[in-house]
Every structure is written in C-alpha cells, then in structure tokens.
PDB file of N, CA and C in Angstrom:
ATOM      1  N   ASP A   1       0.581  -1.333  -0.184  1.00  0.00           N
ATOM      2  CA  ASP A   1      -0.042   0.162  -0.014  1.00  0.00           C
ATOM      3  C   ASP A   1       1.086   1.207   0.092  1.00  0.00           C
ATOM      4  N   LEU A   2       2.249   0.939   0.389  1.00  0.00           N
ATOM      5  CA  LEU A   2       2.901   2.348   0.641  1.00  0.00           C
ATOM      6  C   LEU A   2       3.462   2.679  -0.661  1.00  0.00           C
ATOM      7  N   GLN A   3       3.535   1.947  -1.585  1.00  0.00           N
ATOM      8  CA  GLN A   3       4.346   1.915  -2.929  1.00  0.00           C
ATOM      9  C   GLN A   3       2.960   2.915  -3.782  1.00  0.00           C
ATOM     10  N   PHE A   4       3.737   3.885  -4.206  1.00  0.00           N
ATOM     11  CA  PHE A   4       2.525   4.874  -5.062  1.00  0.00           C
ATOM     12  C   PHE A   4       2.613   4.212  -6.778  1.00  0.00           C
ATOM     13  N   GLY A   5       1.471   4.366  -7.295  1.00  0.00           N
ATOM     14  CA  GLY A   5       1.255   3.915  -8.984  1.00  0.00           C
ATOM     15  C   GLY A   5       0.702   2.683  -8.695  1.00  0.00           C
ATOM     16  N   SER A   6       0.679   2.099  -7.833  1.00  0.00           N
ATOM     17  CA  SER A   6      -0.327   1.012  -7.654  1.00  0.00           C
ATOM     18  C   SER A   6      -1.870   1.565  -7.559  1.00  0.00           C
ATOM     19  N   GLN A   7      -2.715   0.391  -8.089  1.00  0.00           N
ATOM     20  CA  GLN A   7      -4.152   0.820  -8.287  1.00  0.00           C
ATOM     21  C   GLN A   7      -4.545   0.684  -6.989  1.00  0.00           C
ATOM     22  N   GLU A   8      -4.491   0.193  -5.652  1.00  0.00           N
ATOM     23  CA  GLU A   8      -4.814  -0.015  -4.348  1.00  0.00           C
ATOM     24  C   GLU A   8      -4.210   1.373  -3.672  1.00  0.00           C
ATOM     25  N   SER A   9      -3.302   1.818  -4.361  1.00  0.00           N
ATOM     26  CA  SER A   9      -2.627   3.054  -3.406  1.00  0.00           C
ATOM     27  C   SER A   9      -3.657   4.415  -4.137  1.00  0.00           C
ATOM     28  N   ILE A  10      -3.501   4.246  -5.470  1.00  0.00           N
ATOM     29  CA  ILE A  10      -4.651   5.423  -5.674  1.00  0.00           C
ATOM     30  C   ILE A  10      -5.935   5.175  -5.170  1.00  0.00           C
ATOM     31  N   MET A  11      -6.158   4.212  -5.286  1.00  0.00           N
ATOM     32  CA  MET A  11      -7.815   3.922  -4.360  1.00  0.00           C
ATOM     33  C   MET A  11      -7.488   4.615  -2.921  1.00  0.00           C
ATOM     34  N   SER A  12      -6.598   4.461  -2.501  1.00  0.00           N
ATOM     35  CA  SER A  12      -6.438   5.404  -0.740  1.00  0.00           C
ATOM     36  C   SER A  12      -6.104   6.317  -1.150  1.00  0.00           C
ATOM     37  N   TRP A  13      -5.544   6.951  -2.050  1.00  0.00           N
ATOM     38  CA  TRP A  13      -5.119   8.488  -2.293  1.00  0.00           C
ATOM     39  C   TRP A  13      -6.412   9.494  -2.389  1.00  0.00           C
ATOM     40  N   LEU A  14      -7.245   8.889  -3.191  1.00  0.00           N
ATOM     41  CA  LEU A  14      -8.391   9.483  -3.876  1.00  0.00           C
ATOM     42  C   LEU A  14      -9.465   9.391  -2.597  1.00  0.00           C
ATOM     43  N   ASP A  15      -9.585   8.148  -1.739  1.00  0.00           N
ATOM     44  CA  ASP A  15     -10.550   8.606  -0.499  1.00  0.00           C
ATOM     45  C   ASP A  15     -10.120   9.499   0.385  1.00  0.00           C
ATOM     46  N   ARG A  16      -8.207   9.737   0.825  1.00  0.00           N
ATOM     47  CA  ARG A  16      -7.927  11.052   1.267  1.00  0.00           C
ATOM     48  C   ARG A  16      -8.684  12.475   0.911  1.00  0.00           C
ATOM     49  N   LEU A  17      -8.599  12.409  -0.619  1.00  0.00           N
ATOM     50  CA  LEU A  17      -9.107  13.902  -1.123  1.00  0.00           C
ATOM     51  C   LEU A  17     -10.498  14.480  -0.299  1.00  0.00           C
TER      52      LEU A  17
END
C-alpha cells in the first residue's frame, strides 16, 4: 500500500481527497 503507482494506492489516495 505504501508504493505509489499501484491501483490500490490510488484508491487510498483518492479516499484522502
């Protein structure tokens, strides 16, 4: 999850917006 660029990370990033 800590790696940026993976789809799972993007989902977590969008949730923080």
